[in-house]
Amino acid sequence: MKKQVVKSVAVFSSLLACGIAVHAAEWSDTSISYRYGTQFAEPFNSNAISKDILGLTHVSGYKYGSNFFNVDLLLSDKKDPASAGSTNGAQEAYVVYRHTLDLGKVTGSPFKFGPVRGVGIDAGFDFNVKTDAGYNSKKRMVVAGPSLMMDVPGFLNVSLLELWESNAPYSTFSSTSTPRYSYKPHMMLNLAWGIPLGSLPLSFEGFANFIAAKGKNEFGGSTAAETNIDMQVMYDMSGAVGAGKNSFKLGLEYQYWKNKFGNDASGPAGKGAFAKTPMIRAEYHF
């Protein structure tokens, strides 16, 4: 029954994605980004890790809703090794897709009340591939749930999402492959925002995920509730280089990630499951 639910949600998400090709975009924004920090952390690793992260992001809106797509390529230094005994750093690709179906646009009747300017249904997926020494994540996750679009300058979306997640890790230390394992379906409260700071060429952007524990992990251990807050203040420096508004942005980013991937930071995963990471960030929008 569980697999059937996941399959149904995945099909629903795919059908929504197909709508992108049917309905022409009314607006869109595509950007490439670079960020760098020296205080990244990984569960079961006590080292402070440096990472270069290259990102590609696309956001667009059409007649009945909006789409968000992001792929990050994360390049670690040797403190997060590519395999047991390696002096090369791990590499990871992480993909996120979300579609928001705006119920007001679909029905032709605004869903407005109090501080809420719209109501939607979110669906999408996360997908990652990492080459490292201890876990080699192959995450697959489908998400779906309601979303409130708050009446603020810019945007602030609050979503309550059900998560169906699985993974199939491989350890190069023990040469052990774990068959794909599905966690218990669990909930996530997600906030995503992009808010201009008055008339200044500054914006406050980011997301916050508050994720419930997902039952037992692949190895029979308990998982912990997870908090992942990633936020940045960005300065629009486009005018300084003679470009259009919001073409070039530079800023500071900070990530607070407790019990990373559901690993209890107070347990065997240690301080590597609790990342507090300042970063520099640059973006080019086109």
Foldseek 3Di string as FASTA:
>chain_A
DVVVVVVVLVVVQVVLVVVPVVFDFPDKKKKKKWKWWQQAFAFLQPHRKIKIKIKIWMKTATQFWIKIKMKIKIAIAQSFALAVPHRGTKIKIKIWIKIWGWPCSVVVHFPDDDQFGTKTKMWIWMFMAMRTAAWRWTKIKIKIFMWTWGNAAFTKIKTKIKIWMWIWTAHNVVRDTQPIDIFATWIKIKIWGWHDDPPAQKIKTWMKIFTQWGAADSVRHTFHTKIKTKIKMKGFCQVVVVHDTPQKIKTKMWIWIASAPRNHCVDSSHVSRTTTIIMIMMMGMD
